[in-house]
Amino acid sequence: MHAFYSGAVMHTSLMRPLMREGRMKGGVLLFRGSGVAARRYVEADRSRADEYYLRADDAIAEYAVIDATGEVTAIRSLTADEYEGWVDWINPATGESMGTPRKPGQVRKGSPLFAEMTINAPKSLSVAAALHPKVSEALDAAQRDAAQEIQRFLGQHSVTLARPRGAQEVLPIERMQTVAITHKTSRAGDPHRHIHFQIGTRVWAGSGAR
């Protein structure tokens, strides 16, 4: 089973003045593929000058678990390999499988592995952030606030579809996972602060993972 969210495209009132003109461009996109393909996708969406992928600890993504109240109950950084595993439905906390994604066929598409939205700010703010440390700190904090607001909304309003034999039931989620990947540059190397906010399609509700 896969989660679906009340409101197919969400908009959020961003928390800080610097983000008043911000957008989550493109709505919500569903990713189908593999962990390897997802890693190539996020690594291609920034310049090689972006140091985010060059840290000594090799952390590329911030993983969080959210409960039904919208509170974050666990948070950790993921290495590149752990991120690939998460996309492929491997629980990074336990190393256990969270299920088997459906393979694409002639009639049906494969399982969506995550849903993604991008948290952006006007480019002028990204340029200012590259020049002024205080603007950089404020913009980073504003984008983190936006991600946290989305997490709260998802935890409180997400539901999943259960299909017991001969019936169909909509259940509120009990637990879900998100990953946030922060970039400071565009593919061309221009200043462009943005967060790839990814929502795992495996959730916990009722008797277990769905």
C-alpha atoms as a PDB file:
ATOM      1  CA  MET A   1       0.000   0.000   0.000  1.00  0.00           C
ATOM      2  CA  HIS A   2       1.151   3.523  -0.646  1.00  0.00           C
ATOM      3  CA  ALA A   3       0.399   6.744   1.135  1.00  0.00           C
ATOM      4  CA  PHE A   4      -1.623   9.449  -0.463  1.00  0.00           C
ATOM      5  CA  TYR A   5      -1.957  12.919   0.942  1.00  0.00           C
ATOM      6  CA  SER A   6      -5.013  15.071   1.468  1.00  0.00           C
ATOM      7  CA  GLY A   7      -4.427  17.751  -1.152  1.00  0.00           C
ATOM      8  CA  ALA A   8      -2.506  16.572  -4.219  1.00  0.00           C
ATOM      9  CA  VAL A   9      -0.475  19.785  -4.420  1.00  0.00           C
ATOM     10  CA  MET A  10       0.319  21.561  -1.189  1.00  0.00           C
ATOM     11  CA  HIS A  11       1.255  25.172  -0.542  1.00  0.00           C
ATOM     12  CA  THR A  12       2.698  26.391   2.723  1.00  0.00           C
ATOM     13  CA  SER A  13       2.919  29.815   4.335  1.00  0.00           C
ATOM     14  CA  LEU A  14       6.660  30.061   4.807  1.00  0.00           C
ATOM     15  CA  MET A  15       7.819  31.070   8.204  1.00  0.00           C
ATOM     16  CA  ARG A  16      10.312  33.864   7.797  1.00  0.00           C
ATOM     17  CA  PRO A  17      10.213  37.216   5.959  1.00  0.00           C
ATOM     18  CA  LEU A  18      12.969  36.220   3.545  1.00  0.00           C
ATOM     19  CA  MET A  19      10.756  33.419   2.203  1.00  0.00           C
ATOM     20  CA  ARG A  20       7.611  35.452   1.578  1.00  0.00           C
ATOM     21  CA  GLU A  21       8.087  35.137  -2.161  1.00  0.00           C
ATOM     22  CA  GLY A  22       9.197  31.504  -1.994  1.00  0.00           C
ATOM     23  CA  ARG A  23       7.589  28.718  -3.977  1.00  0.00           C
ATOM     24  CA  MET A  24       7.428  24.948  -3.970  1.00  0.00           C
ATOM     25  CA  LYS A  25       7.670  24.799  -7.742  1.00  0.00           C
ATOM     26  CA  GLY A  26       6.275  21.925  -9.732  1.00  0.00           C
ATOM     27  CA  GLY A  27       3.873  20.611  -7.098  1.00  0.00           C
ATOM     28  CA  VAL A  28       4.394  16.993  -6.045  1.00  0.00           C
ATOM     29  CA  LEU A  29       6.231  14.626  -8.386  1.00  0.00           C
ATOM     30  CA  LEU A  30       6.262  10.840  -8.032  1.00  0.00           C
ATOM     31  CA  PHE A  31       9.625   9.107  -8.511  1.00  0.00           C
ATOM     32  CA  ARG A  32       9.704   5.614 -10.007  1.00  0.00           C
ATOM     33  CA  GLY A  33      13.008   3.917 -10.659  1.00  0.00           C
ATOM     34  CA  SER A  34      15.683   2.759  -8.232  1.00  0.00           C
ATOM     35  CA  GLY A  35      17.904   4.024  -5.454  1.00  0.00           C
ATOM     36  CA  VAL A  36      20.839   4.276  -7.855  1.00  0.00           C
ATOM     37  CA  ALA A  37      18.772   6.376 -10.276  1.00  0.00           C
ATOM     38  CA  ALA A  38      17.508   8.612  -7.455  1.00  0.00           C
ATOM     39  CA  ARG A  39      21.063   9.249  -6.280  1.00  0.00           C
ATOM     40  CA  ARG A  40      22.138  10.216  -9.805  1.00  0.00           C
ATOM     41  CA  TYR A  41      19.121  12.515 -10.038  1.00  0.00           C
ATOM     42  CA  VAL A  42      19.840  14.481  -6.866  1.00  0.00           C
ATOM     43  CA  GLU A  43      23.594  14.609  -7.482  1.00  0.00           C
ATOM     44  CA  ALA A  44      23.031  15.973 -10.990  1.00  0.00           C
ATOM     45  CA  ASP A  45      20.854  18.815  -9.699  1.00  0.00           C
ATOM     46  CA  ARG A  46      23.718  20.913  -8.436  1.00  0.00           C
ATOM     47  CA  SER A  47      27.170  22.042  -9.515  1.00  0.00           C
ATOM     48  CA  ARG A  48      30.234  20.027  -8.535  1.00  0.00           C
ATOM     49  CA  ALA A  49      31.295  23.172  -6.692  1.00  0.00           C
ATOM     50  CA  ASP A  50      28.514  22.491  -4.191  1.00  0.00           C
ATOM     51  CA  GLU A  51      30.372  21.053  -1.205  1.00  0.00           C
ATOM     52  CA  TYR A  52      27.327  19.292   0.193  1.00  0.00           C
ATOM     53  CA  TYR A  53      28.387  15.991  -1.371  1.00  0.00           C
ATOM     54  CA  LEU A  54      32.051  16.374  -0.473  1.00  0.00           C
ATOM     55  CA  ARG A  55      31.851  16.344   3.304  1.00  0.00           C
ATOM     56  CA  ALA A  56      34.203  14.015   5.116  1.00  0.00           C
ATOM     57  CA  ASP A  57      31.341  12.063   6.695  1.00  0.00           C
ATOM     58  CA  ASP A  58      29.777  11.478   3.225  1.00  0.00           C
ATOM     59  CA  ALA A  59      26.331  12.504   4.521  1.00  0.00           C
ATOM     60  CA  ILE A  60      24.078  13.576   1.669  1.00  0.00           C
ATOM     61  CA  ALA A  61      20.574  13.588   3.109  1.00  0.00           C
ATOM     62  CA  GLU A  62      18.659  14.277   6.320  1.00  0.00           C
ATOM     63  CA  TYR A  63      16.238  11.465   7.157  1.00  0.00           C
ATOM     64  CA  ALA A  64      13.326  11.973   9.557  1.00  0.00           C
ATOM     65  CA  VAL A  65      10.487   9.897  10.989  1.00  0.00           C
ATOM     66  CA  ILE A  66       7.210  11.760  11.660  1.00  0.00           C
ATOM     67  CA  ASP A  67       4.314  10.548  13.807  1.00  0.00           C
ATOM     68  CA  ALA A  68       0.579  11.209  13.500  1.00  0.00           C
ATOM     69  CA  THR A  69       0.839  14.469  15.461  1.00  0.00           C
ATOM     70  CA  GLY A  70       3.372  15.842  12.993  1.00  0.00           C
ATOM     71  CA  GLU A  71       6.253  15.573  15.464  1.00  0.00           C
ATOM     72  CA  VAL A  72       9.674  14.344  14.355  1.00  0.00           C
ATOM     73  CA  THR A  73      10.478  11.260  16.440  1.00  0.00           C
ATOM     74  CA  ALA A  74      13.829  10.367  14.868  1.00  0.00           C
ATOM     75  CA  ILE A  75      16.360  12.162  12.707  1.00  0.00           C
ATOM     76  CA  ARG A  76      19.714  11.201  11.210  1.00  0.00           C
ATOM     77  CA  SER A  77      21.994  11.838   8.257  1.00  0.00           C
ATOM     78  CA  LEU A  78      22.163   9.263   5.488  1.00  0.00           C
ATOM     79  CA  THR A  79      25.250   8.326   3.526  1.00  0.00           C
ATOM     80  CA  ALA A  80      24.940   7.927  -0.224  1.00  0.00           C
ATOM     81  CA  ASP A  81      24.540   4.155   0.148  1.00  0.00           C
ATOM     82  CA  GLU A  82      21.944   4.531   2.918  1.00  0.00           C
ATOM     83  CA  TYR A  83      20.004   6.988   0.766  1.00  0.00           C
ATOM     84  CA  GLU A  84      19.938   4.518  -2.124  1.00  0.00           C
ATOM     85  CA  GLY A  85      18.668   1.853   0.264  1.00  0.00           C
ATOM     86  CA  TRP A  86      15.932   4.107   1.631  1.00  0.00           C
ATOM     87  CA  VAL A  87      14.668   4.791  -1.880  1.00  0.00           C
ATOM     88  CA  ASP A  88      14.611   1.014  -2.453  1.00  0.00           C
ATOM     89  CA  TRP A  89      12.489   0.569   0.718  1.00  0.00           C
ATOM     90  CA  ILE A  90      15.258  -0.441   3.112  1.00  0.00           C
ATOM     91  CA  ASN A  91      14.747   1.019   6.598  1.00  0.00           C
ATOM     92  CA  PRO A  92      17.951   2.983   7.358  1.00  0.00           C
ATOM     93  CA  ALA A  93      17.472   2.546  11.104  1.00  0.00           C
ATOM     94  CA  THR A  94      17.247  -1.261  11.017  1.00  0.00           C
ATOM     95  CA  GLY A  95      18.531  -2.343   7.613  1.00  0.00           C
ATOM     96  CA  GLU A  96      15.315  -4.337   7.137  1.00  0.00           C
ATOM     97  CA  SER A  97      13.163  -4.356   4.026  1.00  0.00           C
ATOM     98  CA  MET A  98       9.966  -2.289   4.165  1.00  0.00           C
ATOM     99  CA  GLY A  99       8.391  -4.271   1.333  1.00  0.00           C
ATOM    100  CA  THR A 100       8.930  -5.034  -2.339  1.00  0.00           C
ATOM    101  CA  PRO A 101       8.157  -2.304  -4.882  1.00  0.00           C
ATOM    102  CA  ARG A 102       5.878  -3.373  -7.717  1.00  0.00           C
ATOM    103  CA  LYS A 103       7.739  -3.776 -11.006  1.00  0.00           C
ATOM    104  CA  PRO A 104       6.434  -1.925 -14.063  1.00  0.00           C
ATOM    105  CA  GLY A 105       4.427  -3.995 -16.523  1.00  0.00           C
ATOM    106  CA  GLN A 106       2.564  -3.574 -19.780  1.00  0.00           C
ATOM    107  CA  VAL A 107      -0.540  -2.233 -18.061  1.00  0.00           C
ATOM    108  CA  ARG A 108       0.574  -0.869 -14.674  1.00  0.00           C
ATOM    109  CA  LYS A 109       3.410   1.424 -13.726  1.00  0.00           C
ATOM    110  CA  GLY A 110       5.911   0.439 -11.074  1.00  0.00           C
ATOM    111  CA  SER A 111       5.469   1.544  -7.475  1.00  0.00           C
ATOM    112  CA  PRO A 112       6.272   5.196  -6.760  1.00  0.00           C
ATOM    113  CA  LEU A 113       9.241   5.100  -4.389  1.00  0.00           C
ATOM    114  CA  PHE A 114       8.851   8.626  -3.059  1.00  0.00           C
ATOM    115  CA  ALA A 115       6.983  11.850  -3.738  1.00  0.00           C
ATOM    116  CA  GLU A 116       9.072  14.996  -4.102  1.00  0.00           C
ATOM    117  CA  MET A 117       8.540  18.714  -3.886  1.00  0.00           C
ATOM    118  CA  THR A 118      11.226  21.392  -4.128  1.00  0.00           C
ATOM    119  CA  ILE A 119      11.468  24.186  -1.573  1.00  0.00           C
ATOM    120  CA  ASN A 120      12.813  27.254  -3.390  1.00  0.00           C
ATOM    121  CA  ALA A 121      13.467  30.921  -2.782  1.00  0.00           C
ATOM    122  CA  PRO A 122      13.820  33.778  -5.289  1.00  0.00           C
ATOM    123  CA  LYS A 123      17.225  33.639  -6.982  1.00  0.00           C
ATOM    124  CA  SER A 124      18.070  37.117  -5.686  1.00  0.00           C
ATOM    125  CA  LEU A 125      18.037  35.712  -2.152  1.00  0.00           C
ATOM    126  CA  SER A 126      20.388  32.901  -3.157  1.00  0.00           C
ATOM    127  CA  VAL A 127      22.794  35.441  -4.649  1.00  0.00           C
ATOM    128  CA  ALA A 128      22.608  37.589  -1.510  1.00  0.00           C
ATOM    129  CA  ALA A 129      23.166  34.507   0.655  1.00  0.00           C
ATOM    130  CA  ALA A 130      26.323  33.664  -1.288  1.00  0.00           C
ATOM    131  CA  LEU A 131      27.680  37.134  -0.515  1.00  0.00           C
ATOM    132  CA  HIS A 132      26.528  37.748   3.058  1.00  0.00           C
ATOM    133  CA  PRO A 133      26.882  35.178   5.881  1.00  0.00           C
ATOM    134  CA  LYS A 134      23.939  36.568   7.867  1.00  0.00           C
ATOM    135  CA  VAL A 135      21.639  36.345   4.857  1.00  0.00           C
ATOM    136  CA  SER A 136      22.922  32.810   4.273  1.00  0.00           C
ATOM    137  CA  GLU A 137      22.072  31.778   7.830  1.00  0.00           C
ATOM    138  CA  ALA A 138      18.619  33.378   7.661  1.00  0.00           C
ATOM    139  CA  LEU A 139      17.773  31.785   4.313  1.00  0.00           C
ATOM    140  CA  ASP A 140      18.924  28.343   5.436  1.00  0.00           C
ATOM    141  CA  ALA A 141      16.837  28.683   8.607  1.00  0.00           C
ATOM    142  CA  ALA A 142      13.782  29.789   6.608  1.00  0.00           C
ATOM    143  CA  GLN A 143      14.021  26.817   4.273  1.00  0.00           C
ATOM    144  CA  ARG A 144      14.430  24.441   7.221  1.00  0.00           C
ATOM    145  CA  ASP A 145      11.327  26.010   8.789  1.00  0.00           C
ATOM    146  CA  ALA A 146       9.413  25.392   5.555  1.00  0.00           C
ATOM    147  CA  ALA A 147      10.465  21.728   5.538  1.00  0.00           C
ATOM    148  CA  GLN A 148       9.404  21.331   9.174  1.00  0.00           C
ATOM    149  CA  GLU A 149       6.028  22.929   8.462  1.00  0.00           C
ATOM    150  CA  ILE A 150       5.450  20.450   5.632  1.00  0.00           C
ATOM    151  CA  GLN A 151       6.420  17.562   7.924  1.00  0.00           C
ATOM    152  CA  ARG A 152       3.874  18.666  10.517  1.00  0.00           C
ATOM    153  CA  PHE A 153       1.142  18.961   7.903  1.00  0.00           C
ATOM    154  CA  LEU A 154       1.913  15.538   6.444  1.00  0.00           C
ATOM    155  CA  GLY A 155       1.953  13.798   9.805  1.00  0.00           C
ATOM    156  CA  GLN A 156      -1.387  15.281  10.805  1.00  0.00           C
ATOM    157  CA  HIS A 157      -3.255  14.889   7.503  1.00  0.00           C
ATOM    158  CA  SER A 158      -1.828  11.908   5.585  1.00  0.00           C
ATOM    159  CA  VAL A 159      -3.874   8.762   5.100  1.00  0.00           C
ATOM    160  CA  THR A 160      -3.288   5.428   3.390  1.00  0.00           C
ATOM    161  CA  LEU A 161      -5.566   2.973   1.653  1.00  0.00           C
ATOM    162  CA  ALA A 162      -5.929  -0.514   3.129  1.00  0.00           C
ATOM    163  CA  ARG A 163      -7.587  -3.294   1.186  1.00  0.00           C
ATOM    164  CA  PRO A 164      -8.676  -6.086   3.525  1.00  0.00           C
ATOM    165  CA  ARG A 165     -10.354  -8.991   1.771  1.00  0.00           C
ATOM    166  CA  GLY A 166     -13.571  -7.855   0.122  1.00  0.00           C
ATOM    167  CA  ALA A 167     -13.337  -4.300   1.456  1.00  0.00           C
ATOM    168  CA  GLN A 168     -11.460  -1.030   1.250  1.00  0.00           C
ATOM    169  CA  GLU A 169     -10.533   1.196   4.164  1.00  0.00           C
ATOM    170  CA  VAL A 170      -8.849   4.584   4.547  1.00  0.00           C
ATOM    171  CA  LEU A 171      -6.555   4.751   7.573  1.00  0.00           C
ATOM    172  CA  PRO A 172      -4.702   7.702   9.120  1.00  0.00           C
ATOM    173  CA  ILE A 173      -0.967   7.139   9.113  1.00  0.00           C
ATOM    174  CA  GLU A 174       0.811   6.414  12.394  1.00  0.00           C
ATOM    175  CA  ARG A 175       4.351   6.944  11.149  1.00  0.00           C
ATOM    176  CA  MET A 176       6.026   8.097   7.935  1.00  0.00           C
ATOM    177  CA  GLN A 177       9.465   9.019   6.627  1.00  0.00           C
ATOM    178  CA  THR A 178      10.905  12.018   4.799  1.00  0.00           C
ATOM    179  CA  VAL A 179      14.313  12.911   3.401  1.00  0.00           C
ATOM    180  CA  ALA A 180      15.572  16.463   2.805  1.00  0.00           C
ATOM    181  CA  ILE A 181      18.511  17.080   0.466  1.00  0.00           C
ATOM    182  CA  THR A 182      19.908  20.611   0.451  1.00  0.00           C
ATOM    183  CA  HIS A 183      21.692  22.211  -2.513  1.00  0.00           C
ATOM    184  CA  LYS A 184      23.309  25.636  -2.646  1.00  0.00           C
ATOM    185  CA  THR A 185      23.908  25.788  -6.407  1.00  0.00           C
ATOM    186  CA  SER A 186      22.176  24.989  -9.668  1.00  0.00           C
ATOM    187  CA  ARG A 187      23.498  22.538 -12.236  1.00  0.00           C
ATOM    188  CA  ALA A 188      25.162  25.507 -13.963  1.00  0.00           C
ATOM    189  CA  GLY A 189      26.955  26.480 -10.759  1.00  0.00           C
ATOM    190  CA  ASP A 190      24.870  29.591 -10.063  1.00  0.00           C
ATOM    191  CA  PRO A 191      23.753  30.344  -6.480  1.00  0.00           C
ATOM    192  CA  HIS A 192      20.435  28.560  -6.016  1.00  0.00           C
ATOM    193  CA  ARG A 193      19.423  27.480  -2.504  1.00  0.00           C
ATOM    194  CA  HIS A 194      16.827  24.730  -2.632  1.00  0.00           C
ATOM    195  CA  ILE A 195      15.767  21.598  -0.806  1.00  0.00           C
ATOM    196  CA  HIS A 196      14.633  18.387  -2.459  1.00  0.00           C
ATOM    197  CA  PHE A 197      11.959  17.325   0.027  1.00  0.00           C
ATOM    198  CA  GLN A 198      11.147  13.650  -0.485  1.00  0.00           C
ATOM    199  CA  ILE A 199       8.230  11.811   1.124  1.00  0.00           C
ATOM    200  CA  GLY A 200       8.556   8.056   1.475  1.00  0.00           C
ATOM    201  CA  THR A 201       5.632   6.096   0.058  1.00  0.00           C
ATOM    202  CA  ARG A 202       5.948   3.379   2.710  1.00  0.00           C
ATOM    203  CA  VAL A 203       3.993   4.350   5.818  1.00  0.00           C
ATOM    204  CA  TRP A 204       2.868   2.657   9.031  1.00  0.00           C
ATOM    205  CA  ALA A 205      -0.839   2.341   9.769  1.00  0.00           C
ATOM    206  CA  GLY A 206      -3.105  -0.303  11.237  1.00  0.00           C
ATOM    207  CA  SER A 207      -1.176  -3.561  11.478  1.00  0.00           C
ATOM    208  CA  GLY A 208       2.126  -2.405  10.027  1.00  0.00           C
ATOM    209  CA  ALA A 209       3.916  -0.986   7.001  1.00  0.00           C
ATOM    210  CA  ARG A 210       1.838  -0.267   3.902  1.00  0.00           C
END
